[in-house]
Each structure stands twice: as structure tokens, then as C-alpha cells.
């Protein structure tokens, strides 16, 4: 059961991902995710963290693949410096138990940003960069899904990307 949490962003996430009074979770597609991100950006607020994990589902094959290495994780802290940010990004991209590792530090700066508490500008900027990167990211993930799931042209119409969204 999903619980409503305090704060503008937490309410936006809850209202767009929970249904039947929080008994069930909805995983938005790319269109829904872009709408939610726009709502969060326009809220002029921050939250402790927001995590967005993409996954691909193919109904014909009855398979799904999660892309943890392309998870977006924006965390707000009281304080951090450039060295702390570098350390954070390196820890996020070098997770040994993931199926595939992300080795691109530049991409890591987009997917694992930090911002200071109540710094709405850096929070918004991080979300905007992620939104822009999604155009490229979806193509990368589709290539991986095609390869891992051995997708053929006839399978493609039965597949779609969804996003699991959490905030605190």
C-alpha cells in the first residue's frame, strides 16, 4: 500500500502513480513521465530524493527488462562539494551486482545529480537535463532490449517503456 507523503513533489508522484486509494501502483509510459516531470519542474519545490527506474515490457513475449543502470536518482543534501559529487557519481555508476554497468561519467552526471536542499533552480535544471537525455536514452535502452530479448520486427508493436517513480 502506497502512503501519501508530505510535500508538493511527493503529492505529484503519488497522484500520478497510485490508484485505488494507494492499494496499487501505476507505472507511467514516456508520455506520462514527461507530464509528471513537467508538473514537478513547475512546482517550484524540492524533495529529499526522486528516483526513476525505466523498464521495458513486451506483451507478446511476456518478458520485461529493468534498466537499473539508467535509473535517474536526484538527491538533495544540506551540503556537498565537487569532490563529494564525483564520489557520489562514481559510486552510482560502478555497482557490481547490476547486469550491465554504466561506465560513462558524463552520463552519470545527468543520471545521478545532487542538489542542495531548497535549491529549486538546480533541482529544476537536473530534471530538465534528464528530460532532454531521455530522447537518447530510450534509443540506447531499445537497442539493449532488442539484443537481450531477441526482439524481431513483429515483436516491437507489443512493447513499451514504463517508469517506476519514487520520491521522499
N, C-alpha and C. Protein backbone atom coordinates (compact mmCIF):
# COMPACT_ATOMS: atom_id res chain seq x y z
N UNK A 1 0.85 -1.18 0.00
CA UNK A 1 0.00 0.00 0.00
C UNK A 1 0.89 1.24 0.00
N UNK A 2 0.64 2.12 -0.93
CA UNK A 2 1.39 3.37 -1.03
C UNK A 2 0.80 4.39 -0.08
N UNK A 3 1.68 5.11 0.58
CA UNK A 3 1.22 6.13 1.51
C UNK A 3 1.48 7.50 0.93
N UNK A 4 0.54 8.41 1.17
CA UNK A 4 0.73 9.79 0.77
C UNK A 4 1.76 10.41 1.70
N UNK A 5 2.75 11.04 1.09
CA UNK A 5 3.79 11.71 1.86
C UNK A 5 3.60 13.22 1.74
N UNK A 6 4.12 13.95 2.70
CA UNK A 6 4.00 15.40 2.69
C UNK A 6 4.92 15.99 1.63
N UNK A 7 4.55 17.15 1.15
CA UNK A 7 5.36 17.87 0.18
C UNK A 7 4.74 17.87 -1.21
N UNK A 8 4.97 18.95 -1.94
CA UNK A 8 4.38 19.11 -3.27
C UNK A 8 4.78 17.98 -4.22
N UNK A 9 6.07 17.70 -4.27
CA UNK A 9 6.56 16.72 -5.22
C UNK A 9 6.07 15.32 -4.87
N UNK A 10 6.08 14.99 -3.60
CA UNK A 10 5.59 13.68 -3.18
C UNK A 10 4.11 13.51 -3.54
N UNK A 11 3.34 14.58 -3.42
CA UNK A 11 1.93 14.53 -3.80
C UNK A 11 1.76 14.35 -5.31
N UNK A 12 2.61 15.02 -6.08
CA UNK A 12 2.56 14.87 -7.55
C UNK A 12 2.85 13.43 -7.93
N UNK A 13 3.90 12.86 -7.34
CA UNK A 13 4.26 11.47 -7.64
C UNK A 13 3.13 10.54 -7.22
N UNK A 14 2.60 10.71 -6.03
CA UNK A 14 1.50 9.86 -5.55
C UNK A 14 0.28 9.97 -6.46
N UNK A 15 -0.11 11.19 -6.78
CA UNK A 15 -1.32 11.40 -7.59
C UNK A 15 -1.19 10.81 -9.00
N UNK A 16 0.04 10.67 -9.48
CA UNK A 16 0.25 10.16 -10.83
C UNK A 16 0.69 8.70 -10.89
N UNK A 17 0.93 8.08 -9.74
CA UNK A 17 1.41 6.69 -9.76
C UNK A 17 0.60 5.75 -8.87
N UNK A 18 -0.29 6.28 -8.05
CA UNK A 18 -1.09 5.43 -7.17
C UNK A 18 -2.55 5.46 -7.61
N UNK A 19 -3.22 4.35 -7.42
CA UNK A 19 -4.66 4.33 -7.67
C UNK A 19 -5.33 3.37 -6.71
N UNK A 20 -6.66 3.47 -6.67
CA UNK A 20 -7.48 2.70 -5.74
C UNK A 20 -7.02 2.97 -4.30
N UNK A 21 -6.95 4.27 -3.98
CA UNK A 21 -6.56 4.75 -2.64
C UNK A 21 -5.21 4.24 -2.20
N UNK A 22 -4.27 4.13 -3.13
CA UNK A 22 -2.91 3.73 -2.80
C UNK A 22 -2.68 2.23 -2.74
N UNK A 23 -3.70 1.44 -3.04
CA UNK A 23 -3.53 -0.02 -2.99
C UNK A 23 -2.66 -0.53 -4.13
N UNK A 24 -2.65 0.21 -5.25
CA UNK A 24 -1.90 -0.24 -6.42
C UNK A 24 -1.05 0.89 -6.97
N UNK A 25 0.01 0.51 -7.67
CA UNK A 25 0.93 1.47 -8.28
C UNK A 25 0.77 1.43 -9.79
N UNK A 26 0.77 2.60 -10.38
CA UNK A 26 0.72 2.76 -11.83
C UNK A 26 2.13 3.14 -12.30
N UNK A 27 2.61 2.52 -13.36
CA UNK A 27 3.92 2.82 -13.93
C UNK A 27 3.71 3.55 -15.24
N UNK A 28 3.94 4.86 -15.25
CA UNK A 28 3.66 5.64 -16.45
C UNK A 28 4.58 5.28 -17.62
N UNK A 29 4.08 5.46 -18.83
CA UNK A 29 4.88 5.33 -20.03
C UNK A 29 5.64 6.65 -20.21
N UNK A 30 6.35 6.79 -21.31
CA UNK A 30 7.14 8.00 -21.54
C UNK A 30 6.27 9.26 -21.54
N UNK A 31 5.10 9.19 -22.11
CA UNK A 31 4.20 10.35 -22.15
C UNK A 31 3.82 10.77 -20.74
N UNK A 32 3.45 9.80 -19.91
CA UNK A 32 3.10 10.09 -18.52
C UNK A 32 4.29 10.62 -17.74
N UNK A 33 5.46 10.04 -17.97
CA UNK A 33 6.66 10.50 -17.26
C UNK A 33 6.96 11.96 -17.60
N UNK A 34 6.89 12.31 -18.87
CA UNK A 34 7.16 13.70 -19.26
C UNK A 34 6.17 14.66 -18.63
N UNK A 35 4.91 14.25 -18.53
CA UNK A 35 3.90 15.06 -17.87
C UNK A 35 4.24 15.24 -16.38
N UNK A 36 4.61 14.17 -15.72
CA UNK A 36 4.95 14.22 -14.29
C UNK A 36 6.18 15.10 -14.07
N UNK A 37 7.20 14.93 -14.90
CA UNK A 37 8.40 15.75 -14.76
C UNK A 37 8.08 17.23 -14.94
N UNK A 38 7.23 17.54 -15.90
CA UNK A 38 6.84 18.94 -16.12
C UNK A 38 6.09 19.48 -14.91
N UNK A 39 5.23 18.68 -14.34
CA UNK A 39 4.48 19.09 -13.14
C UNK A 39 5.44 19.34 -11.97
N UNK A 40 6.43 18.47 -11.82
CA UNK A 40 7.42 18.63 -10.74
C UNK A 40 8.25 19.88 -10.97
N UNK A 41 8.71 20.08 -12.19
CA UNK A 41 9.50 21.27 -12.51
C UNK A 41 8.71 22.55 -12.21
N UNK A 42 7.45 22.55 -12.56
CA UNK A 42 6.60 23.74 -12.34
C UNK A 42 6.17 23.92 -10.89
N UNK A 43 6.43 22.93 -10.04
CA UNK A 43 6.02 23.03 -8.63
C UNK A 43 6.87 24.00 -7.84
N UNK A 44 8.02 24.38 -8.39
CA UNK A 44 8.95 25.29 -7.70
C UNK A 44 9.26 24.79 -6.30
N UNK A 45 9.61 23.51 -6.23
CA UNK A 45 9.85 22.86 -4.95
C UNK A 45 10.98 21.85 -5.11
N UNK A 46 11.47 21.34 -3.99
CA UNK A 46 12.44 20.24 -3.99
C UNK A 46 11.92 19.16 -3.05
N UNK A 47 12.59 18.03 -3.07
CA UNK A 47 12.27 16.94 -2.17
C UNK A 47 13.58 16.26 -1.79
N UNK A 48 13.54 15.36 -0.83
CA UNK A 48 14.75 14.68 -0.38
C UNK A 48 15.42 13.93 -1.53
N UNK A 49 14.62 13.17 -2.27
CA UNK A 49 15.14 12.49 -3.47
C UNK A 49 13.99 12.14 -4.39
N UNK A 50 14.35 11.93 -5.64
CA UNK A 50 13.42 11.38 -6.62
C UNK A 50 14.20 10.34 -7.42
N UNK A 51 13.59 9.16 -7.57
CA UNK A 51 14.23 8.05 -8.28
C UNK A 51 13.28 7.56 -9.37
N UNK A 52 13.81 7.44 -10.57
CA UNK A 52 13.02 6.98 -11.71
C UNK A 52 13.75 5.81 -12.35
N UNK A 53 13.14 4.64 -12.31
CA UNK A 53 13.75 3.44 -12.87
C UNK A 53 12.97 3.01 -14.11
N UNK A 54 13.65 3.01 -15.27
CA UNK A 54 12.97 2.60 -16.50
C UNK A 54 12.96 1.08 -16.67
N UNK A 55 11.91 0.58 -17.31
CA UNK A 55 11.89 -0.82 -17.70
C UNK A 55 11.09 -0.97 -18.98
N UNK A 56 11.35 -2.05 -19.69
CA UNK A 56 10.71 -2.32 -20.96
C UNK A 56 9.90 -3.59 -20.82
N UNK A 57 8.68 -3.56 -21.31
CA UNK A 57 7.79 -4.72 -21.26
C UNK A 57 7.40 -5.08 -22.69
N UNK A 58 7.42 -6.37 -22.99
CA UNK A 58 6.91 -6.83 -24.27
C UNK A 58 5.82 -7.84 -23.98
N UNK A 59 4.59 -7.48 -24.31
CA UNK A 59 3.43 -8.31 -24.01
C UNK A 59 3.39 -9.59 -24.85
N UNK A 60 3.84 -9.52 -26.07
CA UNK A 60 3.82 -10.71 -26.92
C UNK A 60 4.74 -11.79 -26.35
N UNK A 61 5.93 -11.37 -25.90
CA UNK A 61 6.90 -12.33 -25.35
C UNK A 61 6.68 -12.60 -23.87
N UNK A 62 5.84 -11.78 -23.24
CA UNK A 62 5.60 -11.89 -21.81
C UNK A 62 6.92 -11.78 -21.03
N UNK A 63 7.73 -10.80 -21.42
CA UNK A 63 9.02 -10.53 -20.79
C UNK A 63 9.14 -9.05 -20.47
N UNK A 64 9.98 -8.79 -19.48
CA UNK A 64 10.32 -7.41 -19.20
C UNK A 64 11.78 -7.34 -18.80
N UNK A 65 12.37 -6.19 -19.01
CA UNK A 65 13.77 -5.97 -18.65
C UNK A 65 13.86 -4.63 -17.93
N UNK A 66 14.53 -4.64 -16.78
CA UNK A 66 14.68 -3.42 -15.99
C UNK A 66 16.05 -2.82 -16.30
N UNK A 67 16.11 -1.51 -16.34
CA UNK A 67 17.34 -0.80 -16.67
C UNK A 67 17.83 -0.02 -15.45
N UNK A 68 18.27 -0.74 -14.43
CA UNK A 68 18.75 -0.09 -13.21
C UNK A 68 19.95 0.80 -13.47
N UNK A 69 20.79 0.43 -14.43
CA UNK A 69 21.97 1.24 -14.72
C UNK A 69 21.60 2.59 -15.32
N UNK A 70 20.37 2.73 -15.81
CA UNK A 70 19.90 4.00 -16.35
C UNK A 70 18.85 4.65 -15.46
N UNK A 71 18.86 4.27 -14.21
CA UNK A 71 17.97 4.87 -13.23
C UNK A 71 18.39 6.33 -13.02
N UNK A 72 17.42 7.20 -12.89
CA UNK A 72 17.68 8.59 -12.55
C UNK A 72 17.50 8.71 -11.04
N UNK A 73 18.51 9.30 -10.38
CA UNK A 73 18.43 9.47 -8.94
C UNK A 73 18.93 10.86 -8.59
N UNK A 74 18.01 11.73 -8.24
CA UNK A 74 18.34 13.10 -7.85
C UNK A 74 18.16 13.21 -6.34
N UNK A 75 19.24 13.55 -5.67
CA UNK A 75 19.22 13.65 -4.21
C UNK A 75 19.55 15.07 -3.79
N UNK A 76 18.81 15.58 -2.82
CA UNK A 76 19.09 16.88 -2.24
C UNK A 76 19.76 16.69 -0.88
N UNK A 77 20.82 17.44 -0.68
CA UNK A 77 21.59 17.35 0.56
C UNK A 77 21.75 18.74 1.18
N UNK A 78 22.12 18.73 2.47
CA UNK A 78 22.39 20.00 3.14
C UNK A 78 23.60 20.69 2.51
N UNK A 79 24.60 19.87 2.16
CA UNK A 79 25.83 20.44 1.63
C UNK A 79 26.59 19.35 0.87
N UNK A 80 27.31 19.74 -0.17
CA UNK A 80 28.26 18.88 -0.87
C UNK A 80 29.19 19.76 -1.68
N UNK A 81 30.37 19.22 -2.00
CA UNK A 81 31.31 19.94 -2.85
C UNK A 81 31.58 19.10 -4.11
N UNK A 82 32.47 19.59 -4.97
CA UNK A 82 32.75 18.90 -6.23
C UNK A 82 33.30 17.50 -6.00
N UNK A 83 34.13 17.33 -5.01
CA UNK A 83 34.71 16.01 -4.72
C UNK A 83 33.64 15.03 -4.23
N UNK A 84 32.75 15.52 -3.40
CA UNK A 84 31.65 14.69 -2.91
C UNK A 84 30.73 14.28 -4.07
N UNK A 85 30.48 15.21 -5.00
CA UNK A 85 29.66 14.92 -6.17
C UNK A 85 30.33 13.85 -7.04
N UNK A 86 31.63 14.00 -7.30
CA UNK A 86 32.37 13.00 -8.08
C UNK A 86 32.29 11.62 -7.44
N UNK A 87 32.50 11.58 -6.15
CA UNK A 87 32.45 10.32 -5.40
C UNK A 87 31.06 9.69 -5.52
N UNK A 88 30.03 10.49 -5.37
CA UNK A 88 28.63 10.03 -5.47
C UNK A 88 28.37 9.42 -6.85
N UNK A 89 28.77 10.12 -7.89
CA UNK A 89 28.53 9.64 -9.26
C UNK A 89 29.29 8.35 -9.51
N UNK A 90 30.55 8.29 -9.09
CA UNK A 90 31.34 7.07 -9.29
C UNK A 90 30.72 5.88 -8.56
N UNK A 91 30.22 6.10 -7.36
CA UNK A 91 29.56 5.02 -6.61
C UNK A 91 28.29 4.55 -7.34
N UNK A 92 27.57 5.48 -7.92
CA UNK A 92 26.32 5.13 -8.61
C UNK A 92 26.56 4.38 -9.92
N UNK A 93 27.63 4.72 -10.64
CA UNK A 93 27.86 4.06 -11.93
C UNK A 93 28.63 2.76 -11.80
N UNK A 94 29.28 2.53 -10.69
CA UNK A 94 30.09 1.32 -10.51
C UNK A 94 29.46 0.36 -9.50
N UNK A 95 28.26 -0.09 -9.81
CA UNK A 95 27.57 -1.03 -8.92
C UNK A 95 27.82 -2.45 -9.45
N UNK A 96 28.53 -3.29 -8.68
CA UNK A 96 28.94 -4.60 -9.20
C UNK A 96 27.81 -5.61 -9.44
N UNK A 97 26.68 -5.49 -8.76
CA UNK A 97 25.65 -6.52 -8.89
C UNK A 97 24.62 -6.21 -9.98
N UNK A 98 24.85 -5.20 -10.78
CA UNK A 98 23.95 -4.90 -11.90
C UNK A 98 24.33 -5.74 -13.11
N UNK A 99 23.33 -6.06 -13.89
CA UNK A 99 23.54 -6.87 -15.08
C UNK A 99 24.51 -6.19 -16.04
N UNK A 100 24.32 -4.89 -16.25
CA UNK A 100 25.18 -4.09 -17.12
C UNK A 100 25.65 -2.90 -16.31
N UNK A 101 26.89 -2.49 -16.51
CA UNK A 101 27.40 -1.34 -15.79
C UNK A 101 27.45 -0.13 -16.69
N UNK A 102 27.25 1.01 -16.11
CA UNK A 102 27.35 2.27 -16.81
C UNK A 102 28.76 2.79 -16.57
N UNK A 103 29.53 2.98 -17.63
CA UNK A 103 30.92 3.40 -17.47
C UNK A 103 31.17 4.83 -17.94
N UNK A 104 30.14 5.56 -18.26
CA UNK A 104 30.27 6.90 -18.79
C UNK A 104 30.00 7.92 -17.68
N UNK A 105 31.06 8.59 -17.22
CA UNK A 105 30.94 9.54 -16.13
C UNK A 105 30.04 10.71 -16.52
N UNK A 106 30.12 11.16 -17.77
CA UNK A 106 29.28 12.27 -18.23
C UNK A 106 27.80 11.93 -18.13
N UNK A 107 27.45 10.73 -18.54
CA UNK A 107 26.06 10.27 -18.42
C UNK A 107 25.70 10.17 -16.94
N UNK A 108 26.64 9.74 -16.12
CA UNK A 108 26.43 9.66 -14.68
C UNK A 108 26.09 11.01 -14.07
N UNK A 109 26.67 12.09 -14.61
CA UNK A 109 26.34 13.42 -14.08
C UNK A 109 24.89 13.81 -14.38
N UNK A 110 24.33 13.25 -15.46
CA UNK A 110 22.93 13.52 -15.80
C UNK A 110 22.00 12.63 -14.97
N UNK A 111 22.38 11.36 -14.82
CA UNK A 111 21.50 10.39 -14.15
C UNK A 111 21.57 10.43 -12.63
N UNK A 112 22.67 10.90 -12.06
CA UNK A 112 22.85 10.86 -10.60
C UNK A 112 23.26 12.21 -10.02
N UNK A 113 22.51 13.27 -10.31
CA UNK A 113 22.89 14.59 -9.81
C UNK A 113 22.59 14.77 -8.33
N UNK A 114 23.27 15.73 -7.76
CA UNK A 114 22.99 16.16 -6.39
C UNK A 114 22.57 17.63 -6.46
N UNK A 115 21.75 18.03 -5.52
CA UNK A 115 21.45 19.45 -5.37
C UNK A 115 21.35 19.74 -3.88
N UNK A 116 21.42 21.01 -3.56
CA UNK A 116 21.29 21.38 -2.16
C UNK A 116 19.82 21.53 -1.82
N UNK A 117 19.49 21.20 -0.57
CA UNK A 117 18.11 21.35 -0.09
C UNK A 117 17.60 22.75 -0.41
N UNK A 118 16.38 22.81 -0.88
CA UNK A 118 15.69 24.07 -1.18
C UNK A 118 16.27 24.84 -2.37
N UNK A 119 17.23 24.28 -3.10
CA UNK A 119 17.77 24.93 -4.29
C UNK A 119 16.92 24.51 -5.49
N UNK A 120 15.83 25.22 -5.69
CA UNK A 120 14.87 24.83 -6.72
C UNK A 120 15.46 24.96 -8.13
N UNK A 121 16.38 25.90 -8.34
CA UNK A 121 16.97 26.07 -9.67
C UNK A 121 17.80 24.87 -10.08
N UNK A 122 18.68 24.39 -9.21
CA UNK A 122 19.50 23.23 -9.58
C UNK A 122 18.63 21.97 -9.67
N UNK A 123 17.59 21.89 -8.86
CA UNK A 123 16.65 20.77 -8.92
C UNK A 123 15.96 20.75 -10.28
N UNK A 124 15.43 21.90 -10.69
CA UNK A 124 14.77 22.02 -11.99
C UNK A 124 15.74 21.71 -13.13
N UNK A 125 16.95 22.26 -13.06
CA UNK A 125 17.95 22.04 -14.11
C UNK A 125 18.28 20.56 -14.26
N UNK A 126 18.40 19.85 -13.15
CA UNK A 126 18.71 18.42 -13.19
C UNK A 126 17.57 17.66 -13.87
N UNK A 127 16.34 18.02 -13.56
CA UNK A 127 15.18 17.36 -14.18
C UNK A 127 15.10 17.69 -15.67
N UNK A 128 15.40 18.92 -16.04
CA UNK A 128 15.39 19.32 -17.46
C UNK A 128 16.45 18.55 -18.25
N UNK A 129 17.65 18.41 -17.69
CA UNK A 129 18.72 17.65 -18.36
C UNK A 129 18.29 16.20 -18.56
N UNK A 130 17.66 15.64 -17.54
CA UNK A 130 17.19 14.25 -17.65
C UNK A 130 16.14 14.15 -18.75
N UNK A 131 15.20 15.08 -18.79
CA UNK A 131 14.17 15.07 -19.84
C UNK A 131 14.80 15.10 -21.22
N UNK A 132 15.79 15.95 -21.42
CA UNK A 132 16.49 16.03 -22.70
C UNK A 132 17.21 14.73 -23.02
N UNK A 133 17.86 14.15 -22.02
CA UNK A 133 18.64 12.94 -22.22
C UNK A 133 17.74 11.73 -22.53
N UNK A 134 16.49 11.79 -22.12
CA UNK A 134 15.57 10.68 -22.38
C UNK A 134 15.46 10.35 -23.87
N UNK A 135 15.55 11.35 -24.74
CA UNK A 135 15.48 11.10 -26.18
C UNK A 135 16.59 10.15 -26.62
N UNK A 136 17.77 10.35 -26.11
CA UNK A 136 18.92 9.49 -26.42
C UNK A 136 18.83 8.18 -25.64
N UNK A 137 18.45 8.28 -24.39
CA UNK A 137 18.41 7.11 -23.51
C UNK A 137 17.44 6.05 -24.00
N UNK A 138 16.28 6.45 -24.48
CA UNK A 138 15.30 5.48 -24.97
C UNK A 138 15.85 4.67 -26.14
N UNK A 139 16.61 5.31 -27.00
CA UNK A 139 17.23 4.59 -28.12
C UNK A 139 18.27 3.58 -27.64
N UNK A 140 19.06 3.98 -26.65
CA UNK A 140 20.06 3.08 -26.07
C UNK A 140 19.37 1.87 -25.43
N UNK A 141 18.35 2.13 -24.62
CA UNK A 141 17.65 1.04 -23.93
C UNK A 141 16.92 0.14 -24.93
N UNK A 142 16.38 0.71 -26.00
CA UNK A 142 15.70 -0.10 -27.00
C UNK A 142 16.70 -1.05 -27.67
N UNK A 143 17.90 -0.56 -27.93
CA UNK A 143 18.94 -1.41 -28.51
C UNK A 143 19.28 -2.57 -27.58
N UNK A 144 19.38 -2.28 -26.29
CA UNK A 144 19.67 -3.34 -25.31
C UNK A 144 18.50 -4.32 -25.25
N UNK A 145 17.28 -3.81 -25.21
CA UNK A 145 16.09 -4.69 -25.14
C UNK A 145 16.03 -5.59 -26.37
N UNK A 146 16.29 -5.02 -27.55
CA UNK A 146 16.27 -5.83 -28.78
C UNK A 146 17.28 -6.97 -28.68
N UNK A 147 18.45 -6.65 -28.19
CA UNK A 147 19.52 -7.65 -28.10
C UNK A 147 19.23 -8.71 -27.04
N UNK A 148 18.91 -8.26 -25.84
CA UNK A 148 18.71 -9.19 -24.71
C UNK A 148 17.47 -10.06 -24.91
N UNK A 149 16.39 -9.47 -25.41
CA UNK A 149 15.15 -10.21 -25.58
C UNK A 149 14.99 -10.82 -26.98
N UNK A 150 16.00 -10.62 -27.83
CA UNK A 150 15.95 -11.11 -29.21
C UNK A 150 14.67 -10.66 -29.91
N UNK A 151 14.39 -9.37 -29.84
CA UNK A 151 13.18 -8.83 -30.43
C UNK A 151 13.29 -8.78 -31.95
N UNK A 152 12.22 -9.19 -32.60
CA UNK A 152 12.13 -9.06 -34.05
C UNK A 152 11.15 -7.94 -34.36
N UNK A 153 11.04 -7.60 -35.63
CA UNK A 153 10.11 -6.54 -36.05
C UNK A 153 8.68 -6.84 -35.62
N UNK A 154 8.29 -8.10 -35.64
CA UNK A 154 6.91 -8.44 -35.27
C UNK A 154 6.66 -8.30 -33.77
N UNK A 155 7.71 -8.27 -32.97
CA UNK A 155 7.55 -8.11 -31.52
C UNK A 155 7.41 -6.65 -31.11
N UNK A 156 8.01 -5.74 -31.88
CA UNK A 156 8.11 -4.34 -31.48
C UNK A 156 6.77 -3.66 -31.17
N UNK A 157 5.71 -3.89 -31.94
CA UNK A 157 4.45 -3.20 -31.62
C UNK A 157 3.85 -3.60 -30.26
N UNK A 158 4.34 -4.66 -29.68
CA UNK A 158 3.79 -5.16 -28.42
C UNK A 158 4.63 -4.76 -27.20
N UNK A 159 5.60 -3.89 -27.44
CA UNK A 159 6.46 -3.47 -26.35
C UNK A 159 6.34 -2.00 -26.03
N UNK A 160 6.72 -1.65 -24.80
CA UNK A 160 6.68 -0.26 -24.37
C UNK A 160 7.56 -0.07 -23.14
N UNK A 161 8.00 1.16 -22.94
CA UNK A 161 8.79 1.53 -21.77
C UNK A 161 7.86 2.08 -20.69
N UNK A 162 8.17 1.73 -19.46
CA UNK A 162 7.47 2.27 -18.30
C UNK A 162 8.52 2.76 -17.31
N UNK A 163 8.06 3.51 -16.32
CA UNK A 163 8.97 4.10 -15.36
C UNK A 163 8.39 3.97 -13.95
N UNK A 164 9.19 3.43 -13.07
CA UNK A 164 8.81 3.34 -11.66
C UNK A 164 9.36 4.60 -10.99
N UNK A 165 8.50 5.34 -10.32
CA UNK A 165 8.89 6.63 -9.74
C UNK A 165 8.69 6.60 -8.22
N UNK A 166 9.74 7.00 -7.51
CA UNK A 166 9.67 7.11 -6.05
C UNK A 166 10.20 8.49 -5.64
N UNK A 167 9.64 9.02 -4.59
CA UNK A 167 10.17 10.27 -4.03
C UNK A 167 10.00 10.24 -2.51
N UNK A 168 10.75 11.05 -1.88
CA UNK A 168 10.70 11.13 -0.42
C UNK A 168 10.81 12.58 0.00
